[in-house]
Amino acid sequence: RVGDFERWIISSMQASADECMVVEVYM
C-alpha cells in the first residue's frame, strides 16, 4: 500500500531521498 520504512522516515523528516543513504544491515 505505502512502501517500506525508509520511505516513511524520509517523508516524515521532510527530507529528500538524495540526502539519505539506506544500509540494509539485516541483509
PDB file of all heavy atoms in Angstrom:
ATOM      1  N   ARG A   1       0.813  -1.223   0.000  1.00  0.00           N
ATOM      2  CA  ARG A   1       0.000   0.000   0.000  1.00  0.00           C
ATOM      3  C   ARG A   1       0.847   1.274   0.000  1.00  0.00           C
ATOM      4  O   ARG A   1       0.528   2.232  -0.713  1.00  0.00           O
ATOM      5  CB  ARG A   1      -0.929   0.008   1.224  1.00  0.00           C
ATOM      6  CG  ARG A   1      -2.015  -1.061   1.187  1.00  0.00           C
ATOM      7  CD  ARG A   1      -2.726  -1.168   2.531  1.00  0.00           C
ATOM      8  NE  ARG A   1      -3.829  -2.131   2.498  1.00  0.00           N
ATOM      9  CZ  ARG A   1      -4.508  -2.528   3.569  1.00  0.00           C
ATOM     10  NH1 ARG A   1      -4.212  -2.042   4.763  1.00  0.00           N
ATOM     11  NH2 ARG A   1      -5.483  -3.415   3.453  1.00  0.00           N
ATOM     12  N   VAL A   2       1.898   1.300   0.828  1.00  0.00           N
ATOM     13  CA  VAL A   2       2.613   2.567   1.031  1.00  0.00           C
ATOM     14  C   VAL A   2       4.130   2.430   1.077  1.00  0.00           C
ATOM     15  O   VAL A   2       4.835   3.367   1.464  1.00  0.00           O
ATOM     16  CB  VAL A   2       2.119   3.268   2.328  1.00  0.00           C
ATOM     17  CG1 VAL A   2       0.723   3.837   2.145  1.00  0.00           C
ATOM     18  CG2 VAL A   2       2.159   2.317   3.527  1.00  0.00           C
ATOM     19  N   GLY A   3       4.681   1.282   0.694  1.00  0.00           N
ATOM     20  CA  GLY A   3       6.128   1.144   0.670  1.00  0.00           C
ATOM     21  C   GLY A   3       6.705   0.694   1.994  1.00  0.00           C
ATOM     22  O   GLY A   3       6.014   0.110   2.831  1.00  0.00           O
ATOM     23  N   ASP A   4       7.989   0.991   2.208  1.00  0.00           N
ATOM     24  CA  ASP A   4       8.699   0.453   3.367  1.00  0.00           C
ATOM     25  C   ASP A   4       9.214   1.549   4.299  1.00  0.00           C
ATOM     26  O   ASP A   4       9.069   2.736   4.026  1.00  0.00           O
ATOM     27  CB  ASP A   4       9.854  -0.427   2.881  1.00  0.00           C
ATOM     28  CG  ASP A   4      10.136  -1.606   3.798  1.00  0.00           C
ATOM     29  OD1 ASP A   4       9.698  -1.580   4.971  1.00  0.00           O
ATOM     30  OD2 ASP A   4      10.818  -2.551   3.360  1.00  0.00           O
ATOM     31  N   PHE A   5       9.843   1.114   5.383  1.00  0.00           N
ATOM     32  CA  PHE A   5      10.250   2.009   6.464  1.00  0.00           C
ATOM     33  C   PHE A   5      11.013   3.239   5.989  1.00  0.00           C
ATOM     34  O   PHE A   5      10.732   4.361   6.428  1.00  0.00           O
ATOM     35  CB  PHE A   5      11.145   1.261   7.462  1.00  0.00           C
ATOM     36  CG  PHE A   5      10.454   0.217   8.273  1.00  0.00           C
ATOM     37  CD1 PHE A   5      11.018  -1.046   8.402  1.00  0.00           C
ATOM     38  CD2 PHE A   5       9.261   0.467   8.930  1.00  0.00           C
ATOM     39  CE1 PHE A   5      10.404  -2.032   9.163  1.00  0.00           C
ATOM     40  CE2 PHE A   5       8.631  -0.506   9.685  1.00  0.00           C
ATOM     41  CZ  PHE A   5       9.209  -1.767   9.805  1.00  0.00           C
ATOM     42  N   GLU A   6      12.005   3.029   5.117  1.00  0.00           N
ATOM     43  CA  GLU A   6      12.852   4.167   4.741  1.00  0.00           C
ATOM     44  C   GLU A   6      12.045   5.250   4.023  1.00  0.00           C
ATOM     45  O   GLU A   6      12.302   6.443   4.201  1.00  0.00           O
ATOM     46  CB  GLU A   6      14.045   3.713   3.886  1.00  0.00           C
ATOM     47  CG  GLU A   6      13.700   3.138   2.525  1.00  0.00           C
ATOM     48  CD  GLU A   6      13.484   1.638   2.528  1.00  0.00           C
ATOM     49  OE1 GLU A   6      12.994   1.099   3.539  1.00  0.00           O
ATOM     50  OE2 GLU A   6      13.807   1.010   1.495  1.00  0.00           O
ATOM     51  N   ARG A   7      11.060   4.839   3.245  1.00  0.00           N
ATOM     52  CA  ARG A   7      10.217   5.804   2.545  1.00  0.00           C
ATOM     53  C   ARG A   7       9.429   6.640   3.549  1.00  0.00           C
ATOM     54  O   ARG A   7       9.321   7.868   3.409  1.00  0.00           O
ATOM     55  CB  ARG A   7       9.269   5.069   1.604  1.00  0.00           C
ATOM     56  CG  ARG A   7       8.300   5.967   0.861  1.00  0.00           C
ATOM     57  CD  ARG A   7       7.450   5.160  -0.100  1.00  0.00           C
ATOM     58  NE  ARG A   7       6.425   5.980  -0.740  1.00  0.00           N
ATOM     59  CZ  ARG A   7       5.540   5.506  -1.607  1.00  0.00           C
ATOM     60  NH1 ARG A   7       5.561   4.234  -1.955  1.00  0.00           N
ATOM     61  NH2 ARG A   7       4.638   6.305  -2.138  1.00  0.00           N
ATOM     62  N   TRP A   8       8.900   6.001   4.574  1.00  0.00           N
ATOM     63  CA  TRP A   8       8.105   6.719   5.582  1.00  0.00           C
ATOM     64  C   TRP A   8       8.985   7.644   6.405  1.00  0.00           C
ATOM     65  O   TRP A   8       8.569   8.759   6.748  1.00  0.00           O
ATOM     66  CB  TRP A   8       7.403   5.729   6.509  1.00  0.00           C
ATOM     67  CG  TRP A   8       6.664   4.620   5.823  1.00  0.00           C
ATOM     68  CD1 TRP A   8       6.287   4.560   4.504  1.00  0.00           C
ATOM     69  CD2 TRP A   8       6.230   3.393   6.401  1.00  0.00           C
ATOM     70  NE1 TRP A   8       5.641   3.376   4.245  1.00  0.00           N
ATOM     71  CE2 TRP A   8       5.593   2.634   5.384  1.00  0.00           C
ATOM     72  CE3 TRP A   8       6.324   2.847   7.681  1.00  0.00           C
ATOM     73  CZ2 TRP A   8       5.044   1.381   5.615  1.00  0.00           C
ATOM     74  CZ3 TRP A   8       5.785   1.600   7.924  1.00  0.00           C
ATOM     75  CH2 TRP A   8       5.139   0.874   6.898  1.00  0.00           C
ATOM     76  N   ILE A   9      10.182   7.190   6.727  1.00  0.00           N
ATOM     77  CA  ILE A   9      11.091   8.005   7.529  1.00  0.00           C
ATOM     78  C   ILE A   9      11.520   9.249   6.766  1.00  0.00           C
ATOM     79  O   ILE A   9      11.488  10.369   7.299  1.00  0.00           O
ATOM     80  CB  ILE A   9      12.310   7.166   7.954  1.00  0.00           C
ATOM     81  CG1 ILE A   9      11.894   6.139   9.011  1.00  0.00           C
ATOM     82  CG2 ILE A   9      13.436   8.062   8.487  1.00  0.00           C
ATOM     83  CD1 ILE A   9      12.941   5.083   9.296  1.00  0.00           C
ATOM     84  N   ILE A  10      11.902   9.082   5.515  1.00  0.00           N
ATOM     85  CA  ILE A  10      12.319  10.225   4.705  1.00  0.00           C
ATOM     86  C   ILE A  10      11.171  11.225   4.548  1.00  0.00           C
ATOM     87  O   ILE A  10      11.360  12.446   4.666  1.00  0.00           O
ATOM     88  CB  ILE A  10      12.826   9.754   3.328  1.00  0.00           C
ATOM     89  CG1 ILE A  10      14.132   8.976   3.505  1.00  0.00           C
ATOM     90  CG2 ILE A  10      13.041  10.936   2.385  1.00  0.00           C
ATOM     91  CD1 ILE A  10      14.580   8.224   2.267  1.00  0.00           C
ATOM     92  N   SER A  11       9.968  10.700   4.313  1.00  0.00           N
ATOM     93  CA  SER A  11       8.798  11.566   4.181  1.00  0.00           C
ATOM     94  C   SER A  11       8.516  12.315   5.482  1.00  0.00           C
ATOM     95  O   SER A  11       8.247  13.520   5.474  1.00  0.00           O
ATOM     96  CB  SER A  11       7.583  10.737   3.776  1.00  0.00           C
ATOM     97  OG  SER A  11       6.414  11.527   3.753  1.00  0.00           O
ATOM     98  N   SER A  12       8.577  11.617   6.615  1.00  0.00           N
ATOM     99  CA  SER A  12       8.294  12.245   7.904  1.00  0.00           C
ATOM    100  C   SER A  12       9.343  13.295   8.264  1.00  0.00           C
ATOM    101  O   SER A  12       9.034  14.314   8.881  1.00  0.00           O
ATOM    102  CB  SER A  12       8.231  11.178   9.003  1.00  0.00           C
ATOM    103  OG  SER A  12       7.192  10.264   8.764  1.00  0.00           O
ATOM    104  N   MET A  13      10.590  13.046   7.895  1.00  0.00           N
ATOM    105  CA  MET A  13      11.639  14.044   8.151  1.00  0.00           C
ATOM    106  C   MET A  13      11.478  15.267   7.267  1.00  0.00           C
ATOM    107  O   MET A  13      12.086  16.299   7.526  1.00  0.00           O
ATOM    108  CB  MET A  13      13.025  13.427   7.912  1.00  0.00           C
ATOM    109  CG  MET A  13      13.475  12.438   8.952  1.00  0.00           C
ATOM    110  SD  MET A  13      15.262  12.055   8.881  1.00  0.00           S
ATOM    111  CE  MET A  13      15.416  11.392   7.214  1.00  0.00           C
ATOM    112  N   GLN A  14      10.691  15.125   6.184  1.00  0.00           N
ATOM    113  CA  GLN A  14      10.560  16.169   5.170  1.00  0.00           C
ATOM    114  C   GLN A  14      11.910  16.403   4.504  1.00  0.00           C
ATOM    115  O   GLN A  14      12.294  17.540   4.194  1.00  0.00           O
ATOM    116  CB  GLN A  14       9.987  17.448   5.775  1.00  0.00           C
ATOM    117  CG  GLN A  14       8.595  17.259   6.378  1.00  0.00           C
ATOM    118  CD  GLN A  14       8.062  18.514   7.035  1.00  0.00           C
ATOM    119  OE1 GLN A  14       8.382  19.626   6.644  1.00  0.00           O
ATOM    120  NE2 GLN A  14       7.221  18.339   8.042  1.00  0.00           N
ATOM    121  N   ALA A  15      12.624  15.312   4.305  1.00  0.00           N
ATOM    122  CA  ALA A  15      13.914  15.333   3.619  1.00  0.00           C
ATOM    123  C   ALA A  15      13.723  14.831   2.200  1.00  0.00           C
ATOM    124  O   ALA A  15      12.633  14.393   1.821  1.00  0.00           O
ATOM    125  CB  ALA A  15      14.912  14.445   4.365  1.00  0.00           C
ATOM    126  N   SER A  16      14.756  14.884   1.421  1.00  0.00           N
ATOM    127  CA  SER A  16      14.728  14.306   0.078  1.00  0.00           C
ATOM    128  C   SER A  16      15.524  13.007   0.081  1.00  0.00           C
ATOM    129  O   SER A  16      16.448  12.828   0.888  1.00  0.00           O
ATOM    130  CB  SER A  16      15.309  15.277  -0.951  1.00  0.00           C
ATOM    131  OG  SER A  16      16.656  15.575  -0.650  1.00  0.00           O
ATOM    132  N   ALA A  17      15.187  12.113  -0.835  1.00  0.00           N
ATOM    133  CA  ALA A  17      15.847  10.808  -0.881  1.00  0.00           C
ATOM    134  C   ALA A  17      17.347  10.938  -1.114  1.00  0.00           C
ATOM    135  O   ALA A  17      18.131  10.139  -0.586  1.00  0.00           O
ATOM    136  CB  ALA A  17      15.213   9.943  -1.963  1.00  0.00           C
ATOM    137  N   ASP A  18      17.758  11.947  -1.887  1.00  0.00           N
ATOM    138  CA  ASP A  18      19.191  12.073  -2.177  1.00  0.00           C
ATOM    139  C   ASP A  18      19.988  12.626  -0.993  1.00  0.00           C
ATOM    140  O   ASP A  18      21.220  12.694  -1.049  1.00  0.00           O
ATOM    141  CB  ASP A  18      19.429  12.910  -3.433  1.00  0.00           C
ATOM    142  CG  ASP A  18      18.880  14.322  -3.331  1.00  0.00           C
ATOM    143  OD1 ASP A  18      18.432  14.721  -2.234  1.00  0.00           O
ATOM    144  OD2 ASP A  18      18.887  15.033  -4.346  1.00  0.00           O
ATOM    145  N   GLU A  19      19.317  13.014   0.088  1.00  0.00           N
ATOM    146  CA  GLU A  19      20.002  13.432   1.310  1.00  0.00           C
ATOM    147  C   GLU A  19      20.251  12.249   2.241  1.00  0.00           C
ATOM    148  O   GLU A  19      20.888  12.409   3.292  1.00  0.00           O
ATOM    149  CB  GLU A  19      19.177  14.478   2.065  1.00  0.00           C
ATOM    150  CG  GLU A  19      19.046  15.815   1.372  1.00  0.00           C
ATOM    151  CD  GLU A  19      18.165  16.759   2.153  1.00  0.00           C
ATOM    152  OE1 GLU A  19      16.956  16.494   2.278  1.00  0.00           O
ATOM    153  OE2 GLU A  19      18.695  17.776   2.649  1.00  0.00           O
ATOM    154  N   CYS A  20      19.738  11.076   1.870  1.00  0.00           N
ATOM    155  CA  CYS A  20      19.788   9.914   2.750  1.00  0.00           C
ATOM    156  C   CYS A  20      20.458   8.736   2.061  1.00  0.00           C
ATOM    157  O   CYS A  20      20.437   8.621   0.831  1.00  0.00           O
ATOM    158  CB  CYS A  20      18.379   9.498   3.175  1.00  0.00           C
ATOM    159  SG  CYS A  20      17.436  10.811   3.991  1.00  0.00           S
ATOM    160  N   MET A  21      21.059   7.863   2.866  1.00  0.00           N
ATOM    161  CA  MET A  21      21.573   6.594   2.362  1.00  0.00           C
ATOM    162  C   MET A  21      21.001   5.477   3.241  1.00  0.00           C
ATOM    163  O   MET A  21      20.901   5.626   4.452  1.00  0.00           O
ATOM    164  CB  MET A  21      23.097   6.560   2.358  1.00  0.00           C
ATOM    165  CG  MET A  21      23.757   6.639   3.714  1.00  0.00           C
ATOM    166  SD  MET A  21      25.590   6.572   3.635  1.00  0.00           S
ATOM    167  CE  MET A  21      25.841   4.942   2.944  1.00  0.00           C
ATOM    168  N   VAL A  22      20.595   4.404   2.612  1.00  0.00           N
ATOM    169  CA  VAL A  22      19.973   3.289   3.326  1.00  0.00           C
ATOM    170  C   VAL A  22      20.916   2.094   3.284  1.00  0.00           C
ATOM    171  O   VAL A  22      21.380   1.697   2.210  1.00  0.00           O
ATOM    172  CB  VAL A  22      18.621   2.913   2.687  1.00  0.00           C
ATOM    173  CG1 VAL A  22      17.978   1.745   3.448  1.00  0.00           C
ATOM    174  CG2 VAL A  22      17.683   4.121   2.658  1.00  0.00           C
ATOM    175  N   VAL A  23      21.198   1.527   4.445  1.00  0.00           N
ATOM    176  CA  VAL A  23      22.006   0.312   4.528  1.00  0.00           C
ATOM    177  C   VAL A  23      21.162  -0.779   5.178  1.00  0.00           C
ATOM    178  O   VAL A  23      20.722  -0.633   6.324  1.00  0.00           O
ATOM    179  CB  VAL A  23      23.301   0.526   5.330  1.00  0.00           C
ATOM    180  CG1 VAL A  23      24.063  -0.798   5.476  1.00  0.00           C
ATOM    181  CG2 VAL A  23      24.182   1.569   4.652  1.00  0.00           C
ATOM    182  N   GLU A  24      20.932  -1.852   4.437  1.00  0.00           N
ATOM    183  CA  GLU A  24      20.114  -2.969   4.927  1.00  0.00           C
ATOM    184  C   GLU A  24      21.014  -3.933   5.703  1.00  0.00           C
ATOM    185  O   GLU A  24      21.469  -4.956   5.191  1.00  0.00           O
ATOM    186  CB  GLU A  24      19.428  -3.666   3.756  1.00  0.00           C
ATOM    187  CG  GLU A  24      18.446  -2.770   3.017  1.00  0.00           C
ATOM    188  CD  GLU A  24      17.728  -3.487   1.890  1.00  0.00           C
ATOM    189  OE1 GLU A  24      18.331  -4.375   1.246  1.00  0.00           O
ATOM    190  OE2 GLU A  24      16.540  -3.156   1.653  1.00  0.00           O
ATOM    191  N   VAL A  25      21.237  -3.621   6.965  1.00  0.00           N
ATOM    192  CA  VAL A  25      22.159  -4.439   7.759  1.00  0.00           C
ATOM    193  C   VAL A  25      21.636  -5.858   7.952  1.00  0.00           C
ATOM    194  O   VAL A  25      22.409  -6.813   8.044  1.00  0.00           O
ATOM    195  CB  VAL A  25      22.455  -3.781   9.122  1.00  0.00           C
ATOM    196  CG1 VAL A  25      23.311  -2.541   8.951  1.00  0.00           C
ATOM    197  CG2 VAL A  25      21.174  -3.467   9.889  1.00  0.00           C
ATOM    198  N   TYR A  26      20.315  -6.012   7.997  1.00  0.00           N
ATOM    199  CA  TYR A  26      19.736  -7.348   8.191  1.00  0.00           C
ATOM    200  C   TYR A  26      19.928  -8.228   6.957  1.00  0.00           C
ATOM    201  O   TYR A  26      19.740  -9.454   7.034  1.00  0.00           O
ATOM    202  CB  TYR A  26      18.245  -7.229   8.539  1.00  0.00           C
ATOM    203  CG  TYR A  26      17.339  -6.843   7.399  1.00  0.00           C
ATOM    204  CD1 TYR A  26      16.433  -7.746   6.847  1.00  0.00           C
ATOM    205  CD2 TYR A  26      17.371  -5.550   6.866  1.00  0.00           C
ATOM    206  CE1 TYR A  26      15.594  -7.388   5.807  1.00  0.00           C
ATOM    207  CE2 TYR A  26      16.543  -5.186   5.837  1.00  0.00           C
ATOM    208  CZ  TYR A  26      15.659  -6.103   5.309  1.00  0.00           C
ATOM    209  OH  TYR A  26      14.821  -5.732   4.269  1.00  0.00           O
ATOM    210  N   MET A  27      20.317  -7.618   5.844  1.00  0.00           N
ATOM    211  CA  MET A  27      20.606  -8.353   4.614  1.00  0.00           C
ATOM    212  C   MET A  27      22.118  -8.425   4.348  1.00  0.00           C
ATOM    213  O   MET A  27      22.543  -8.808   3.264  1.00  0.00           O
ATOM    214  CB  MET A  27      19.907  -7.685   3.428  1.00  0.00           C
ATOM    215  CG  MET A  27      18.380  -7.715   3.511  1.00  0.00           C
ATOM    216  SD  MET A  27      17.709  -9.390   3.381  1.00  0.00           S
ATOM    217  CE  MET A  27      18.046  -9.739   1.651  1.00  0.00           C
TER     218      MET A  27
END
